[in-house]
Protein backbone atom coordinates (compact mmCIF):
# COMPACT_ATOMS: atom_id res chain seq x y z
CA MET A 1 40.59 70.64 58.51
CA ALA A 2 36.82 70.93 58.21
CA ASP A 3 35.24 67.62 57.30
CA VAL A 4 31.79 66.56 56.12
CA VAL A 5 28.78 64.99 57.67
CA LYS A 6 28.36 61.85 55.65
CA ASP A 7 25.15 60.06 54.81
CA VAL A 8 25.77 56.41 54.04
CA VAL A 9 22.18 55.18 53.77
CA LYS A 10 22.05 55.35 49.98
CA GLU A 11 25.48 53.76 49.67
CA ASN A 12 24.47 50.90 51.98
CA LEU A 13 21.27 50.19 50.05
CA THR A 14 23.28 50.00 46.83
CA ASP A 15 25.88 47.74 48.44
CA GLU A 16 23.17 45.43 49.75
CA ALA A 17 21.54 45.20 46.34
CA THR A 18 24.82 44.24 44.68
CA ASN A 19 25.95 41.98 47.55
CA SER A 20 29.22 43.95 47.72
CA THR A 21 29.00 44.20 51.50
CA GLY A 22 27.10 42.50 54.28
CA ARG A 23 26.10 45.66 56.06
CA ILE A 24 22.51 46.03 57.22
CA PRO A 25 20.71 49.06 55.72
CA ALA A 26 20.01 51.77 58.27
CA THR A 27 16.52 52.00 59.75
CA PRO A 28 14.83 55.33 60.60
CA GLU A 29 15.32 54.55 64.30
CA GLY A 30 19.00 53.75 63.76
CA ILE A 31 19.52 56.98 61.81
CA ALA A 32 17.86 58.99 64.58
CA VAL A 33 20.04 57.37 67.27
CA ALA A 34 23.23 57.84 65.22
CA TYR A 35 22.75 61.52 64.36
CA GLY A 36 21.34 62.36 67.78
CA SER A 37 24.48 60.88 69.32
CA LEU A 38 26.74 62.76 66.89
CA ILE A 39 25.02 66.05 67.76
CA ILE A 40 25.50 65.43 71.50
CA MET A 41 29.16 64.47 70.94
CA ALA A 42 29.65 67.68 68.94
CA LEU A 43 28.02 69.95 71.53
CA LEU A 44 29.85 68.60 74.59
CA PRO A 45 33.42 69.46 73.44
CA ILE A 46 32.36 73.01 72.52
CA PHE A 47 30.59 73.57 75.84
CA PHE A 48 33.26 72.16 78.14
CA GLY A 49 36.17 73.27 75.95
CA SER A 50 34.89 76.88 76.00
CA PHE A 51 34.80 77.04 79.79
CA ARG A 52 38.19 75.35 79.99
CA SER A 53 39.51 78.01 77.57
CA VAL A 54 38.42 80.73 80.01
CA LYS A 55 40.40 79.05 82.78
CA HIS A 56 43.41 78.57 80.48
CA HIS A 57 43.26 82.23 79.41
CA LYS A 58 43.15 83.36 83.05
CA GLU A 59 46.18 81.19 83.91
CA GLN A 60 48.10 82.68 80.97
CA LYS A 61 47.39 86.22 82.15
CA GLU A 62 48.39 85.44 85.74
CA SER A 63 51.65 83.82 84.66
CA GLY A 64 52.45 86.65 82.23
CA GLU A 65 52.78 84.16 79.37
CA LYS A 66 52.68 85.67 75.89
CA PRO A 67 51.12 82.98 73.68
CA GLU A 68 51.43 82.91 69.92
CA THR A 69 48.21 84.25 68.45
CA MET A 70 46.82 83.88 64.95
CA THR A 71 47.21 87.01 62.84
CA HIS A 72 44.80 88.17 60.12
CA LYS A 73 47.26 86.89 57.51
CA ASP A 74 47.51 83.49 59.23
CA ALA A 75 43.72 83.21 59.25
CA ALA A 76 43.50 84.14 55.56
CA MET A 77 46.20 81.63 54.61
CA PHE A 78 44.80 78.78 56.68
CA PRO A 79 42.22 77.60 54.07
CA VAL A 80 44.95 77.62 51.40
CA ILE A 81 47.25 75.49 53.58
CA ALA A 82 44.34 73.18 54.50
CA SER A 83 43.47 72.79 50.80
CA ALA A 84 47.06 71.84 49.96
CA ALA A 85 47.12 69.28 52.80
CA LEU A 86 43.75 67.82 51.78
CA PHE A 87 44.70 67.51 48.11
CA GLY A 88 48.05 66.03 49.09
CA LEU A 89 46.28 63.30 51.08
CA TYR A 90 43.97 62.68 48.13
CA ILE A 91 46.96 62.19 45.79
CA PHE A 92 48.63 59.89 48.30
CA PHE A 93 45.50 57.75 48.54
CA GLN A 94 45.35 57.57 44.74
CA ILE A 95 49.00 56.54 44.31
CA PHE A 96 49.75 54.43 47.37
CA SER A 97 47.79 51.74 49.14
CA LYS A 98 45.59 53.31 51.81
CA GLU A 99 46.45 50.44 54.20
CA TYR A 100 50.08 51.58 54.46
CA ILE A 101 49.15 55.26 54.80
CA ASN A 102 46.60 54.50 57.51
CA LEU A 103 49.13 52.31 59.33
CA LEU A 104 51.48 55.29 59.56
CA LEU A 105 48.66 57.63 60.60
CA THR A 106 47.45 55.14 63.21
CA GLY A 107 50.82 55.18 64.96
CA TYR A 108 50.99 58.96 64.82
CA PHE A 109 47.50 59.50 66.25
CA PHE A 110 48.06 56.74 68.81
CA PHE A 111 50.63 58.90 70.61
CA LEU A 112 48.73 62.17 70.07
CA GLY A 113 45.51 60.57 71.30
CA ILE A 114 47.11 59.31 74.50
CA LEU A 115 48.54 62.77 75.26
CA ALA A 116 45.21 64.48 74.53
CA LEU A 117 43.28 61.99 76.65
CA CYS A 118 45.79 62.37 79.51
CA HIS A 119 45.41 66.17 79.46
CA LEU A 120 41.64 65.79 79.60
CA LEU A 121 41.29 63.01 82.16
CA SER A 122 44.21 63.76 84.50
CA PRO A 123 42.11 65.72 87.07
CA VAL A 124 39.36 63.07 87.00
CA ILE A 125 41.62 60.07 87.37
CA SER A 126 43.71 61.82 90.05
CA SER A 127 40.56 62.24 92.16
CA LEU A 128 39.72 58.54 91.73
CA VAL A 129 43.17 57.16 92.58
CA PRO A 130 43.05 55.40 96.00
CA ALA A 131 44.67 57.22 98.91
CA ALA A 132 46.99 54.22 99.30
CA ILE A 133 48.85 55.41 96.20
CA PRO A 134 50.78 58.55 97.27
CA ASN A 135 50.84 61.55 94.94
CA ILE A 136 54.62 61.95 94.56
CA PRO A 137 55.76 64.95 92.48
CA PHE A 138 58.45 64.58 89.81
CA HIS A 139 60.33 67.07 87.68
CA LEU A 140 61.81 66.03 84.34
CA HIS A 141 64.42 68.55 83.22
CA PHE A 142 66.59 68.00 80.15
CA THR A 143 68.85 70.81 78.95
CA GLN A 144 71.36 71.39 76.17
CA CYS A 145 74.56 73.15 77.16
CA GLY A 146 75.84 75.86 74.86
CA PRO A 147 78.28 78.78 74.78
CA ASN A 148 75.48 81.22 75.63
CA GLY A 149 74.03 79.17 78.48
CA ASN A 150 71.75 76.20 78.81
CA ASP A 151 68.62 75.73 76.67
CA ASP A 152 65.70 73.79 78.09
CA ILE A 153 64.62 70.92 75.86
CA ILE A 154 62.28 69.23 78.33
CA ASN A 155 61.03 70.93 81.48
CA TYR A 156 58.00 69.04 82.73
CA ASN A 157 56.40 68.63 86.16
CA PHE A 158 54.22 65.58 86.83
CA SER A 159 53.17 63.29 89.66
CA SER A 160 52.64 59.59 90.32
CA HIS A 161 48.90 60.12 89.74
CA ASP A 162 49.74 61.42 86.27
CA VAL A 163 51.60 58.17 85.64
CA VAL A 164 48.46 56.21 86.62
CA CYS A 165 46.45 58.39 84.22
CA LEU A 166 48.97 57.72 81.45
CA LEU A 167 48.69 53.95 81.97
CA CYS A 168 44.88 54.12 81.80
CA CYS A 169 45.02 56.16 78.59
CA MET A 170 47.54 53.72 77.11
CA VAL A 171 44.96 50.96 77.56
CA VAL A 172 42.52 52.98 75.45
CA GLY A 173 45.34 53.62 72.96
CA ALA A 174 46.13 49.90 72.70
CA TRP A 175 42.41 49.19 72.14
CA TYR A 176 42.33 51.71 69.30
CA LEU A 177 45.63 50.46 67.85
CA LEU A 178 44.54 46.82 67.77
CA LYS A 179 40.81 47.00 67.07
CA LYS A 180 40.14 50.47 65.62
CA HIS A 181 36.87 50.28 67.53
CA TRP A 182 34.50 53.20 67.04
CA ILE A 183 34.23 53.84 70.81
CA ALA A 184 38.03 54.17 71.15
CA ASN A 185 38.03 56.41 68.06
CA ASN A 186 35.39 58.66 69.65
CA LEU A 187 37.24 58.87 72.97
CA PHE A 188 40.31 60.16 71.14
CA GLY A 189 38.20 62.40 68.88
CA ILE A 190 36.38 64.05 71.79
CA ALA A 191 39.69 64.55 73.61
CA PHE A 192 41.18 66.23 70.49
CA ALA A 193 38.09 68.45 70.13
CA ILE A 194 38.00 69.61 73.78
CA ASN A 195 41.75 70.30 73.82
CA GLY A 196 41.46 72.15 70.51
CA VAL A 197 38.68 74.43 71.74
CA GLU A 198 40.51 74.98 75.03
CA LEU A 199 44.02 75.67 73.74
CA LEU A 200 43.51 77.27 70.29
CA HIS A 201 42.73 80.97 70.79
CA LEU A 202 41.68 83.34 68.02
CA ASN A 203 42.54 86.45 70.11
CA ASN A 204 39.92 88.70 68.44
CA VAL A 205 36.64 88.56 66.53
CA VAL A 206 38.08 89.94 63.25
CA THR A 207 40.53 87.04 63.02
CA GLY A 208 37.68 84.63 63.75
CA CYS A 209 35.54 86.14 60.98
CA ILE A 210 38.38 85.85 58.44
CA LEU A 211 39.10 82.24 59.42
CA LEU A 212 35.46 81.11 59.36
CA CYS A 213 34.69 82.84 56.07
CA GLY A 214 37.78 81.32 54.45
CA LEU A 215 36.89 77.81 55.64
CA PHE A 216 33.29 78.40 54.55
CA VAL A 217 34.52 78.72 50.93
CA TYR A 218 37.03 75.87 51.44
CA ASP A 219 34.36 73.43 52.63
CA ILE A 220 31.89 74.25 49.85
CA PHE A 221 34.51 73.95 47.10
CA TRP A 222 35.98 70.64 48.20
CA VAL A 223 32.60 68.98 48.82
CA PHE A 224 30.47 70.31 45.96
CA GLY A 225 33.21 71.13 43.46
CA THR A 226 35.17 67.86 43.68
CA ASN A 227 35.04 64.40 45.22
CA VAL A 228 38.28 65.04 47.14
CA MET A 229 36.76 65.70 50.59
CA VAL A 230 34.41 62.72 50.54
CA THR A 231 37.12 60.38 49.20
CA VAL A 232 39.60 61.37 51.89
CA ALA A 233 36.92 61.17 54.60
CA ARG A 234 36.07 57.60 53.57
CA SER A 235 39.70 56.51 53.23
CA PHE A 236 41.21 58.27 56.25
CA GLU A 237 41.27 55.90 59.24
CA ALA A 238 42.25 58.20 62.09
CA PRO A 239 40.41 59.76 65.05
CA ILE A 240 39.89 63.08 63.26
CA LYS A 241 36.17 62.39 63.00
CA LEU A 242 33.43 61.25 65.34
CA VAL A 243 31.51 58.19 64.17
CA PHE A 244 28.38 56.45 65.36
CA PRO A 245 26.79 53.29 63.91
CA GLN A 246 23.37 53.55 62.32
CA ASP A 247 22.82 49.80 62.84
CA LEU A 248 23.60 49.84 66.58
CA LEU A 249 20.09 48.64 67.46
CA GLU A 250 20.47 45.61 65.20
CA GLN A 251 24.19 44.80 65.55
CA GLY A 252 25.12 46.12 68.99
CA LEU A 253 28.73 47.16 69.57
CA ALA A 254 29.80 45.20 66.47
CA ALA A 255 27.85 47.59 64.20
CA ASN A 256 29.70 48.85 61.13
CA ASN A 257 27.33 51.15 59.23
CA PHE A 258 28.63 54.55 60.34
CA ALA A 259 27.54 58.15 60.15
CA MET A 260 30.35 60.61 60.78
CA LEU A 261 31.16 64.19 61.66
CA GLY A 262 34.61 65.71 61.12
CA LEU A 263 36.40 67.29 64.08
CA GLY A 264 36.98 70.42 62.01
CA ASP A 265 33.22 71.04 62.04
CA ILE A 266 33.44 71.06 65.84
CA VAL A 267 36.77 72.73 66.60
CA VAL A 268 36.63 75.59 64.05
CA PRO A 269 33.23 76.97 65.17
CA GLY A 270 34.11 75.92 68.74
CA ILE A 271 37.16 78.18 69.06
CA PHE A 272 35.04 81.12 67.86
CA ILE A 273 32.26 80.30 70.35
CA ALA A 274 34.90 80.03 73.11
CA LEU A 275 36.16 83.50 72.12
CA LEU A 276 32.62 84.83 72.59
CA LEU A 277 32.49 83.31 76.08
CA ARG A 278 35.70 85.14 76.99
CA PHE A 279 34.18 88.32 75.49
CA ASP A 280 31.10 87.80 77.68
CA ASN A 281 33.36 87.58 80.73
CA SER A 282 35.16 90.79 79.72
CA LEU A 283 31.82 92.66 79.72
CA LYS A 284 31.34 91.74 83.42
CA ARG A 285 27.56 91.56 83.14
CA ASN A 286 27.27 88.27 85.05
CA SER A 287 25.75 86.65 81.95
CA ASN A 288 27.06 84.67 79.01
CA THR A 289 24.51 85.87 76.48
CA TYR A 290 26.68 85.79 73.35
CA PHE A 291 28.05 82.35 74.21
CA TYR A 292 24.68 80.68 74.83
CA VAL A 293 22.96 82.31 71.86
CA THR A 294 25.76 81.30 69.46
CA PHE A 295 25.92 77.84 71.03
CA ALA A 296 22.20 77.44 70.26
CA ALA A 297 22.81 78.73 66.71
CA TYR A 298 25.53 76.10 66.23
CA PHE A 299 23.06 73.41 67.29
CA LEU A 300 20.46 74.66 64.80
CA GLY A 301 23.10 74.83 62.06
CA LEU A 302 24.04 71.22 62.72
CA MET A 303 20.38 70.21 62.56
CA ALA A 304 20.01 72.07 59.26
CA THR A 305 23.03 70.19 57.85
CA ILE A 306 21.51 66.81 58.68
CA PHE A 307 18.06 67.83 57.38
CA VAL A 308 19.37 69.05 54.00
CA MET A 309 21.60 66.00 53.68
CA HIS A 310 18.64 63.64 54.02
CA VAL A 311 16.45 65.68 51.70
CA PHE A 312 19.01 65.75 48.87
CA LYS A 313 20.73 62.42 49.68
CA HIS A 314 24.17 64.00 49.24
CA ALA A 315 27.11 64.70 51.55
CA GLN A 316 26.95 68.26 52.85
CA PRO A 317 29.71 70.70 53.86
CA ALA A 318 28.69 71.37 57.44
CA LEU A 319 30.41 74.78 57.52
CA LEU A 320 28.00 75.94 54.81
CA TYR A 321 25.35 76.04 57.53
CA LEU A 322 27.48 76.46 60.66
CA VAL A 323 29.46 79.55 59.60
CA PRO A 324 26.43 81.79 58.84
CA ALA A 325 24.80 80.62 62.08
CA CYS A 326 27.89 81.17 64.25
CA LEU A 327 28.81 84.53 62.67
CA GLY A 328 25.44 86.06 61.88
CA THR A 329 23.85 85.34 65.26
CA PRO A 330 26.38 87.08 67.58
CA LEU A 331 27.00 89.97 65.17
CA GLY A 332 23.27 90.60 64.78
CA LEU A 333 22.77 90.41 68.54
CA ALA A 334 25.68 92.82 69.10
CA LEU A 335 24.11 95.32 66.70
CA ILE A 336 20.80 95.13 68.57
CA LYS A 337 22.44 95.45 72.01
CA GLY A 338 24.90 98.15 70.91
CA ASP A 339 27.98 96.00 71.64
CA ILE A 340 29.32 95.75 68.11
CA LYS A 341 32.19 98.22 68.72
CA ALA A 342 33.18 96.55 71.98
CA MET A 343 33.05 93.13 70.29
CA PHE A 344 35.43 94.11 67.49
CA GLN A 345 37.78 95.93 69.88
CA TYR A 346 38.03 92.99 72.29
CA GLU A 347 41.32 91.09 72.32
CA ASP A 348 42.33 88.15 74.52
CA HIS A 349 45.92 89.39 74.60
CA PRO A 350 46.08 93.09 73.65
CA SER A 351 49.18 94.16 71.76
CA GLU A 352 51.65 96.49 73.47
CA LYS A 353 50.61 99.29 71.11
CA ALA A 354 46.96 98.88 72.12
CA VAL A 355 47.87 98.84 75.82
CA ASP A 356 49.92 102.03 75.46
CA THR A 357 47.03 103.76 73.66
CA THR A 358 44.58 102.75 76.40
CA GLU A 359 46.90 103.98 79.14
CA THR A 360 47.43 107.30 77.30
CA LYS A 361 43.66 107.85 77.06
CA LYS A 362 43.25 107.12 80.77
CA GLU A 363 46.00 109.62 81.67
CA ALA A 364 44.43 112.26 79.41
CA LYS A 365 41.08 111.81 81.17
CA LYS A 366 42.72 112.17 84.58
CA GLU A 367 44.44 115.41 83.51
CA LYS A 368 41.10 116.85 82.35
């Protein structure tokens, strides 16, 4: 899941010297613009996705919905599953032509990207639709009849404004499908990142610590220990990474010398930072201290990744720098402020056993 921040300056210089490509070597200005843009594109999904996750969590509580939450075992197994998936892709790229694999992946992410973009832009486009187009509600309900009653297969409410939004997003999807343009790729990538931070909940800090520590080891092994991560990142043509051209100033929108940042390096720390924002709200102190401090630490970790990459001229596992920043900062602050116990006890959706224990303690206090 976690990807790498890739430096292509050295590769481009070599390619230019051997005339293997016609790409223009990156200039210092172009590098600054590219990585500055990547940092901004990484920060925006975490910021907006975190606040959207608070709203989503509130709606879940009000509706009484019991979402599936990641257990400690799930978090521990996730790096193993991610490693198997990554190595599987690497083997596929070694055996089969990457053109055919990417053709299949393009179709798959075309539909996912449209859905993600619709979920993100629906409120915006609905507000921009002219009043002449009425907002007519629709309800799509498809059930399967059985001996024990009917099972809902599709139960979806939408409106005519949602249809307009879908058509707009399909235009972006067609642009990506036909041209694979980096702007269309980034629109889908940002939509995936915001939706991921909004909808993927860790439930508690312990689970987040296990997940981040596991992916910390995963990222280091696959980047420094093998060439698997870098090979897959270069071969994989899908909007699972944000890209920005380093030769934009020279080539304009037709630029093709890209720096990249994997969505995993945004979403994985992002869901933990979103959890801290919900923890801030649970404290009811009218401040989001843990969120803003960890958000700043993420930014510094990203800057450290880029700095080390340029010093050593080698692809870097971003989670090597992001995980210590995103874990050490809030835990250290909680120790100083005396909130460490409250932080580890906090749960988005407390288990029934925990709720019963809390209610028992309250009743015992009342009796005293």
